[in-house]
Amino acid sequence: MTALVTGAFAGKGRRTGRALASLGPRRRTAALTTTLALLVTGLAACGSQTSDGRQPDAPPAAAAQSDTPPAAEATAEATTHAAATRDDPAFEETFRHEFASVDGVRMHYVTGGSGTPVVLLHGWPQTWFGWWSIMPELAERHTVYAVDLPGLGDSTGTPTGYDKATLARYVHTLVADRLGVRDAHVVGHDLGAAVAYQYAAQFPADTAGLGYLDLPLPGPALDAATYRTMSWHIAFHSQPEVPENLVDDDVREYLAMFYPQVAFEGAAFGGTSDRSPFTEAEIDEYARTYGRPEVLTGGFELYRSLDQDVRDTTAADPVDTPTLLLTAQGQLDPVRATTAGRLTNIVRAADVPDAGHWLVEENPEFVTAELLQFLEE
């Protein structure tokens, strides 16, 4: 175990991967979890500062890119997504991959359907693809836009910051200015819910409804230091450079280990199961994008920006947009407590039966029904 930890800090992710690969699935999960627990012991209270006490600089903005990539490049990217969508004729017939340039980021989104607009925002470690299984049913009554957040998925280029207020401005420029949609229902899951919250807070006139799915809200009720103590992965991901050095080229192994932990029967919910709610094809798809070093870092930057997220939430006006609140089973009251005074017009609220953090994967029927009822109301 000491060798694994030492190797991780030395940037030897391949050594870590080979050592873990020699173990069986259950022992491998336990070993990696224990290693990470050792790494983050004491880090939660340290925050995400650099070694000299400064907050890390925001990533530099990328150079401007064209609105539409070359046809061959766009086609190649659009056809590399997991086989799951290609096995669903309704999906392939309804949806298309599109790109648009937003302030130096070439943003990727998947769109289809007709009716009132719905914007879907993913969290970590997912992409637009986290919504694919429920998109066809939503598209029967609505125009769906499933967006890769700036710097993540197939949205290429580096945003000026990964704080959720900044990411919300990129999404708004895409949706309102590039696509001309100014009456969107914006739905976010995990850290994408914080982006959706900031979208509604900054652009209330352009937000018809807000879907807030399973995220304690960083803000006055939950400061950044406390947030980092909620789970080993939050403290771990908040550290500069450390998670990249550990995960390195073992991205798929890391994601496959993480997904079961916050599933309904996983460790985060007091269970012992290491069964994943994700198929191998789904894990392959997420590993395809997070396997790029810049995307892997972008995902961790979502956590390193928690201090700024708390400041932005605290400074924002309360959001009175009609809101749907969905959480993992048993988590409705704790999550609602973090949104008190911030979300002032929750018109529907429910915890999702038999679901941990992965609401869509673990109970898609319930989530779809709640979304459709909310959108119709």
Protein backbone atom coordinates (compact mmCIF):
# COMPACT_ATOMS: atom_id res chain seq x y z
CA MET A 1 0.00 0.00 0.00
CA THR A 2 2.85 2.38 0.83
CA ALA A 3 4.34 1.67 -2.59
CA LEU A 4 1.04 2.55 -4.25
CA VAL A 5 0.80 5.86 -2.42
CA THR A 6 4.46 6.72 -3.10
CA GLY A 7 4.09 5.82 -6.74
CA ALA A 8 1.02 7.99 -7.08
CA PHE A 9 2.74 11.07 -5.69
CA ALA A 10 5.74 10.40 -7.93
CA GLY A 11 3.45 10.52 -10.95
CA LYS A 12 3.73 6.78 -11.62
CA GLY A 13 0.10 6.02 -12.43
CA ARG A 14 1.12 3.04 -14.58
CA ARG A 15 2.73 1.35 -11.58
CA THR A 16 -0.48 1.90 -9.64
CA GLY A 17 -2.52 0.43 -12.47
CA ARG A 18 -0.35 -2.70 -12.74
CA ALA A 19 -0.46 -3.27 -8.99
CA LEU A 20 -4.23 -2.92 -8.91
CA ALA A 21 -4.68 -5.10 -11.96
CA SER A 22 -3.02 -7.99 -10.11
CA LEU A 23 -5.87 -8.01 -7.59
CA GLY A 24 -9.38 -9.40 -7.97
CA PRO A 25 -12.23 -6.90 -8.54
CA ARG A 26 -13.31 -6.68 -4.89
CA ARG A 27 -9.76 -6.48 -3.51
CA ARG A 28 -8.84 -3.96 -6.21
CA THR A 29 -11.76 -1.71 -5.25
CA ALA A 30 -10.92 -2.01 -1.57
CA ALA A 31 -7.22 -1.30 -2.18
CA LEU A 32 -7.85 1.76 -4.32
CA THR A 33 -10.42 3.10 -1.87
CA THR A 34 -8.04 2.64 1.04
CA THR A 35 -5.23 4.29 -0.89
CA LEU A 36 -7.37 7.30 -1.63
CA ALA A 37 -8.54 7.48 1.97
CA LEU A 38 -4.90 7.63 3.05
CA LEU A 39 -4.18 10.35 0.54
CA VAL A 40 -7.03 12.60 1.61
CA THR A 41 -6.60 12.18 5.38
CA GLY A 42 -6.11 15.69 6.66
CA LEU A 43 -6.54 17.28 3.21
CA ALA A 44 -10.18 18.26 3.63
CA ALA A 45 -9.35 20.98 6.13
CA CYS A 46 -6.53 22.25 3.93
CA GLY A 47 -8.83 23.34 1.12
CA SER A 48 -7.70 23.60 -2.50
CA GLN A 49 -4.92 26.10 -2.05
CA THR A 50 -1.50 25.89 -3.62
CA SER A 51 1.53 25.04 -1.50
CA ASP A 52 2.24 28.70 -0.80
CA GLY A 53 -1.31 29.35 0.39
CA ARG A 54 -2.61 30.99 -2.81
CA GLN A 55 -5.67 29.84 -4.66
CA PRO A 56 -4.58 28.21 -7.93
CA ASP A 57 -4.85 30.44 -10.96
CA ALA A 58 -7.80 29.96 -13.27
CA PRO A 59 -6.93 27.96 -16.39
CA PRO A 60 -6.02 30.21 -19.33
CA ALA A 61 -8.61 30.79 -21.96
CA ALA A 62 -8.12 28.93 -25.21
CA ALA A 63 -7.79 30.65 -28.55
CA ALA A 64 -11.01 31.24 -30.45
CA GLN A 65 -12.22 28.39 -32.62
CA SER A 66 -14.55 28.23 -35.58
CA ASP A 67 -18.26 27.65 -35.06
CA THR A 68 -18.30 24.47 -37.11
CA PRO A 69 -15.45 21.94 -37.20
CA PRO A 70 -14.44 20.34 -40.51
CA ALA A 71 -17.12 17.93 -41.65
CA ALA A 72 -14.87 14.86 -41.39
CA GLU A 73 -13.80 15.79 -37.85
CA ALA A 74 -17.36 16.41 -36.70
CA THR A 75 -18.52 13.14 -38.20
CA ALA A 76 -15.68 11.22 -36.56
CA GLU A 77 -16.42 12.70 -33.14
CA ALA A 78 -20.16 12.14 -33.46
CA THR A 79 -19.69 8.46 -34.28
CA THR A 80 -17.30 7.62 -31.46
CA HIS A 81 -19.97 7.62 -28.78
CA ALA A 82 -20.85 4.39 -27.00
CA ALA A 83 -22.64 1.62 -28.80
CA ALA A 84 -25.60 2.03 -26.45
CA THR A 85 -27.04 4.89 -28.48
CA ARG A 86 -26.51 3.10 -31.78
CA ASP A 87 -28.47 0.15 -30.42
CA ASP A 88 -31.46 2.40 -29.83
CA PRO A 89 -33.09 3.28 -33.16
CA ALA A 90 -35.29 5.92 -31.52
CA PHE A 91 -32.21 7.75 -30.33
CA GLU A 92 -30.29 7.61 -33.57
CA GLU A 93 -33.31 8.71 -35.57
CA THR A 94 -34.12 11.64 -33.28
CA PHE A 95 -30.84 13.19 -32.15
CA ARG A 96 -27.84 14.79 -33.80
CA HIS A 97 -24.47 16.04 -32.59
CA GLU A 98 -23.81 19.76 -33.00
CA PHE A 99 -20.96 22.18 -32.19
CA ALA A 100 -20.82 25.93 -31.58
CA SER A 101 -17.99 28.28 -30.65
CA VAL A 102 -18.46 30.14 -27.35
CA ASP A 103 -15.67 32.46 -26.25
CA GLY A 104 -12.85 30.15 -27.28
CA VAL A 105 -14.59 26.89 -26.35
CA ARG A 106 -16.05 24.71 -29.08
CA MET A 107 -19.08 23.43 -27.24
CA HIS A 108 -20.62 20.11 -28.10
CA TYR A 109 -24.29 19.33 -27.58
CA VAL A 110 -26.79 16.70 -28.68
CA THR A 111 -30.22 17.89 -29.73
CA GLY A 112 -33.50 16.54 -31.01
CA GLY A 113 -37.26 16.52 -30.53
CA SER A 114 -39.82 19.30 -30.71
CA GLY A 115 -41.71 21.41 -28.23
CA THR A 116 -40.67 23.53 -25.27
CA PRO A 117 -36.88 23.59 -24.81
CA VAL A 118 -35.11 21.53 -22.13
CA VAL A 119 -31.39 21.94 -21.46
CA LEU A 120 -29.69 19.02 -19.69
CA LEU A 121 -26.41 19.55 -17.79
CA HIS A 122 -24.23 16.72 -16.49
CA GLY A 123 -21.99 16.45 -13.44
CA TRP A 124 -18.85 14.46 -12.63
CA PRO A 125 -17.71 12.02 -13.91
CA GLN A 126 -20.22 12.13 -16.74
CA THR A 127 -20.96 14.03 -19.96
CA TRP A 128 -24.09 14.73 -22.00
CA PHE A 129 -24.23 10.93 -22.33
CA GLY A 130 -25.58 10.64 -18.79
CA TRP A 131 -29.01 11.61 -20.13
CA TRP A 132 -29.15 9.46 -23.25
CA SER A 133 -31.51 6.78 -21.87
CA ILE A 134 -34.29 9.25 -21.03
CA MET A 135 -33.79 11.71 -23.90
CA PRO A 136 -36.03 9.92 -26.47
CA GLU A 137 -39.08 10.05 -24.18
CA LEU A 138 -38.43 13.70 -23.31
CA ALA A 139 -38.04 14.51 -27.00
CA GLU A 140 -41.54 13.26 -27.76
CA ARG A 141 -42.87 16.46 -26.17
CA HIS A 142 -39.87 18.78 -25.91
CA THR A 143 -36.82 20.00 -27.78
CA VAL A 144 -33.89 18.54 -25.88
CA TYR A 145 -30.36 20.00 -25.68
CA ALA A 146 -27.91 17.78 -23.78
CA VAL A 147 -24.74 19.84 -23.36
CA ASP A 148 -21.14 18.91 -22.64
CA LEU A 149 -19.98 21.50 -20.11
CA PRO A 150 -17.06 23.69 -21.24
CA GLY A 151 -13.77 21.79 -21.20
CA LEU A 152 -15.51 18.44 -20.59
CA GLY A 153 -16.81 15.67 -22.80
CA ASP A 154 -16.35 16.67 -26.43
CA SER A 155 -16.47 20.41 -25.69
CA THR A 156 -12.92 21.35 -26.55
CA GLY A 157 -10.95 24.33 -25.32
CA THR A 158 -10.42 25.64 -21.81
CA PRO A 159 -12.98 27.92 -20.15
CA THR A 160 -11.85 30.94 -18.17
CA GLY A 161 -12.82 29.14 -14.96
CA TYR A 162 -14.61 26.04 -13.73
CA ASP A 163 -16.64 27.80 -11.07
CA LYS A 164 -20.30 27.17 -11.75
CA ALA A 165 -21.20 30.82 -12.34
CA THR A 166 -18.64 31.01 -15.16
CA LEU A 167 -19.77 27.73 -16.69
CA ALA A 168 -23.38 28.91 -16.54
CA ARG A 169 -22.42 31.96 -18.61
CA TYR A 170 -20.91 29.74 -21.30
CA VAL A 171 -24.05 27.60 -21.36
CA HIS A 172 -26.26 30.68 -21.53
CA THR A 173 -24.28 32.11 -24.44
CA LEU A 174 -24.71 28.81 -26.25
CA VAL A 175 -28.41 28.40 -25.49
CA ALA A 176 -29.68 31.98 -25.58
CA ASP A 177 -27.33 33.68 -28.03
CA ARG A 178 -26.19 30.93 -30.40
CA LEU A 179 -29.41 28.87 -30.39
CA GLY A 180 -31.83 31.72 -29.69
CA VAL A 181 -33.58 29.88 -26.83
CA ARG A 182 -34.73 32.27 -24.11
CA ASP A 183 -37.39 30.19 -22.37
CA ALA A 184 -35.44 27.08 -21.44
CA HIS A 185 -36.10 24.63 -18.66
CA VAL A 186 -32.57 24.01 -17.36
CA VAL A 187 -31.98 20.68 -15.62
CA GLY A 188 -28.73 19.76 -13.93
CA HIS A 189 -27.47 16.72 -12.04
CA ASP A 190 -24.63 16.64 -9.50
CA LEU A 191 -22.28 19.60 -10.08
CA GLY A 192 -24.30 20.32 -13.21
CA ALA A 193 -27.14 21.20 -10.83
CA ALA A 194 -24.96 24.01 -9.43
CA VAL A 195 -24.43 25.24 -13.01
CA ALA A 196 -28.19 25.11 -13.60
CA TYR A 197 -28.73 27.03 -10.35
CA GLN A 198 -26.32 29.74 -11.50
CA TYR A 199 -28.02 29.86 -14.90
CA ALA A 200 -31.34 30.60 -13.22
CA ALA A 201 -29.74 33.04 -10.76
CA GLN A 202 -27.95 35.08 -13.44
CA PHE A 203 -30.53 34.83 -16.22
CA PRO A 204 -33.97 34.50 -14.61
CA ALA A 205 -35.75 36.07 -17.58
CA ASP A 206 -34.37 33.32 -19.83
CA THR A 207 -35.17 30.44 -17.47
CA ALA A 208 -38.68 28.95 -17.59
CA GLY A 209 -37.93 26.26 -15.00
CA LEU A 210 -35.08 24.74 -13.01
CA GLY A 211 -34.44 21.05 -12.42
CA TYR A 212 -32.08 20.54 -9.48
CA LEU A 213 -30.97 16.92 -9.13
CA ASP A 214 -29.06 15.47 -6.18
CA LEU A 215 -26.49 18.01 -5.07
CA PRO A 216 -25.97 19.69 -1.71
CA LEU A 217 -25.67 23.33 -2.75
CA PRO A 218 -22.33 25.01 -1.95
CA GLY A 219 -23.27 28.28 -0.30
CA PRO A 220 -24.13 29.98 2.97
CA ALA A 221 -25.60 26.79 4.45
CA LEU A 222 -22.61 24.66 3.43
CA ASP A 223 -19.20 26.30 3.16
CA ALA A 224 -16.33 24.90 1.12
CA ALA A 225 -14.32 23.50 4.04
CA THR A 226 -17.35 21.57 5.27
CA TYR A 227 -18.19 20.48 1.74
CA ARG A 228 -14.77 18.86 1.38
CA THR A 229 -15.37 16.74 4.48
CA MET A 230 -18.53 15.17 3.05
CA SER A 231 -16.69 12.51 1.03
CA TRP A 232 -13.15 11.37 0.39
CA HIS A 233 -13.49 12.09 -3.33
CA ILE A 234 -14.44 15.75 -2.80
CA ALA A 235 -11.38 16.37 -0.63
CA PHE A 236 -9.18 14.34 -2.98
CA HIS A 237 -10.33 16.05 -6.18
CA SER A 238 -9.89 19.48 -4.59
CA GLN A 239 -6.12 19.09 -4.30
CA PRO A 240 -3.83 20.64 -6.95
CA GLU A 241 -2.16 18.02 -9.19
CA VAL A 242 -2.56 15.11 -6.75
CA PRO A 243 -5.56 13.40 -8.40
CA GLU A 244 -4.05 13.69 -11.88
CA ASN A 245 -0.83 12.07 -10.66
CA LEU A 246 -2.67 9.19 -9.05
CA VAL A 247 -5.24 8.51 -11.75
CA ASP A 248 -2.85 9.19 -14.65
CA ASP A 249 -3.57 6.63 -17.40
CA ASP A 250 -5.78 4.47 -15.16
CA VAL A 251 -8.87 6.57 -15.83
CA ARG A 252 -11.21 3.73 -16.72
CA GLU A 253 -10.17 1.76 -13.63
CA TYR A 254 -10.79 4.80 -11.46
CA LEU A 255 -14.21 5.55 -12.91
CA ALA A 256 -15.28 1.89 -12.72
CA MET A 257 -14.26 1.89 -9.06
CA PHE A 258 -16.08 5.13 -8.29
CA TYR A 259 -19.49 4.57 -9.87
CA PRO A 260 -20.64 1.75 -7.51
CA GLN A 261 -19.57 3.62 -4.38
CA VAL A 262 -22.31 6.24 -4.65
CA ALA A 263 -24.93 3.88 -6.06
CA PHE A 264 -27.91 2.95 -3.88
CA GLU A 265 -26.29 -0.17 -2.42
CA GLY A 266 -22.78 1.29 -2.41
CA ALA A 267 -20.50 2.38 0.39
CA ALA A 268 -21.70 5.99 0.42
CA PHE A 269 -25.19 4.78 1.34
CA GLY A 270 -24.05 2.28 3.94
CA GLY A 271 -24.03 -0.73 1.61
CA THR A 272 -21.34 -3.16 0.59
CA SER A 273 -22.18 -3.82 -3.05
CA ASP A 274 -19.64 -3.09 -5.76
CA ARG A 275 -22.18 -3.63 -8.53
CA SER A 276 -22.21 -0.75 -10.97
CA PRO A 277 -25.40 0.78 -12.39
CA PHE A 278 -23.36 1.55 -15.52
CA THR A 279 -22.83 -0.84 -18.42
CA GLU A 280 -19.37 -1.54 -19.76
CA ALA A 281 -20.23 0.49 -22.87
CA GLU A 282 -21.23 3.46 -20.72
CA ILE A 283 -17.99 3.30 -18.73
CA ASP A 284 -16.05 3.07 -22.00
CA GLU A 285 -17.74 6.24 -23.21
CA TYR A 286 -16.90 8.23 -20.10
CA ALA A 287 -13.33 6.90 -20.12
CA ARG A 288 -13.03 7.98 -23.77
CA THR A 289 -13.39 11.64 -22.83
CA TYR A 290 -11.97 11.71 -19.29
CA GLY A 291 -8.98 9.80 -20.61
CA ARG A 292 -7.82 13.03 -22.26
CA PRO A 293 -5.50 14.81 -19.80
CA GLU A 294 -7.14 18.19 -20.28
CA VAL A 295 -10.62 16.75 -19.65
CA LEU A 296 -9.44 14.81 -16.60
CA THR A 297 -8.02 18.02 -15.15
CA GLY A 298 -11.19 19.92 -16.07
CA GLY A 299 -13.25 17.43 -14.10
CA PHE A 300 -11.11 17.93 -11.01
CA GLU A 301 -11.27 21.70 -11.47
CA LEU A 302 -15.01 21.44 -10.83
CA TYR A 303 -14.08 20.59 -7.24
CA ARG A 304 -11.16 22.98 -6.90
CA SER A 305 -13.56 25.86 -7.51
CA LEU A 306 -15.74 25.12 -4.46
CA ASP A 307 -14.56 28.20 -2.56
CA GLN A 308 -15.59 30.43 -5.45
CA ASP A 309 -18.86 28.55 -5.82
CA VAL A 310 -19.73 29.30 -2.19
CA ARG A 311 -18.98 32.99 -2.69
CA ASP A 312 -21.05 33.14 -5.87
CA THR A 313 -24.05 31.38 -4.33
CA THR A 314 -23.91 33.64 -1.30
CA ALA A 315 -23.78 36.76 -3.48
CA ALA A 316 -26.57 35.68 -5.87
CA ASP A 317 -30.16 36.75 -5.45
CA PRO A 318 -32.52 33.96 -4.34
CA VAL A 319 -33.86 31.97 -7.28
CA ASP A 320 -37.66 32.11 -7.53
CA THR A 321 -37.86 30.20 -10.81
CA PRO A 322 -40.25 27.22 -10.54
CA THR A 323 -38.02 24.36 -9.42
CA LEU A 324 -38.09 20.57 -9.40
CA LEU A 325 -35.91 19.04 -6.65
CA LEU A 326 -34.96 15.36 -6.94
CA THR A 327 -32.49 13.51 -4.72
CA ALA A 328 -31.27 10.03 -3.90
CA GLN A 329 -33.56 8.01 -1.65
CA GLY A 330 -33.48 9.42 1.86
CA GLN A 331 -31.57 12.56 0.90
CA LEU A 332 -34.39 14.99 0.18
CA ASP A 333 -34.41 16.77 3.55
CA PRO A 334 -30.59 17.10 3.85
CA VAL A 335 -30.29 18.51 0.32
CA ARG A 336 -33.30 20.79 0.75
CA ALA A 337 -31.67 22.21 3.89
CA THR A 338 -28.66 23.37 1.84
CA THR A 339 -30.93 25.16 -0.65
CA ALA A 340 -32.98 26.98 2.00
CA GLY A 341 -33.22 30.65 1.14
CA ARG A 342 -31.59 30.04 -2.26
CA LEU A 343 -34.35 28.11 -4.06
CA THR A 344 -37.57 29.82 -3.03
CA ASN A 345 -40.07 28.30 -5.44
CA ILE A 346 -39.75 24.52 -5.25
CA VAL A 347 -42.98 23.31 -6.84
CA ARG A 348 -42.13 19.60 -6.89
CA ALA A 349 -39.76 17.66 -4.64
CA ALA A 350 -39.10 13.95 -4.23
CA ASP A 351 -36.41 11.49 -3.37
CA VAL A 352 -36.06 8.85 -6.06
CA PRO A 353 -36.94 5.35 -4.79
CA ASP A 354 -34.21 2.71 -4.96
CA ALA A 355 -31.71 5.21 -6.30
CA GLY A 356 -28.43 6.45 -4.95
CA HIS A 357 -26.63 9.33 -6.62
CA TRP A 358 -27.16 7.99 -10.15
CA LEU A 359 -30.82 8.91 -10.42
CA VAL A 360 -31.16 8.41 -14.17
CA GLU A 361 -29.29 5.11 -14.28
CA GLU A 362 -30.90 3.61 -11.17
CA ASN A 363 -34.53 4.65 -11.68
CA PRO A 364 -35.00 6.20 -15.13
CA GLU A 365 -38.76 5.64 -15.17
CA PHE A 366 -39.34 7.66 -12.01
CA VAL A 367 -37.01 10.48 -13.08
CA THR A 368 -38.60 10.71 -16.53
CA ALA A 369 -42.12 10.80 -15.09
CA GLU A 370 -41.17 13.55 -12.62
CA LEU A 371 -39.47 15.61 -15.31
CA LEU A 372 -42.37 15.31 -17.72
CA GLN A 373 -44.93 16.26 -15.08
CA PHE A 374 -42.81 19.23 -14.00
CA LEU A 375 -42.31 20.41 -17.57
CA GLU A 376 -46.03 20.18 -18.30
CA GLU A 377 -46.91 22.11 -15.15
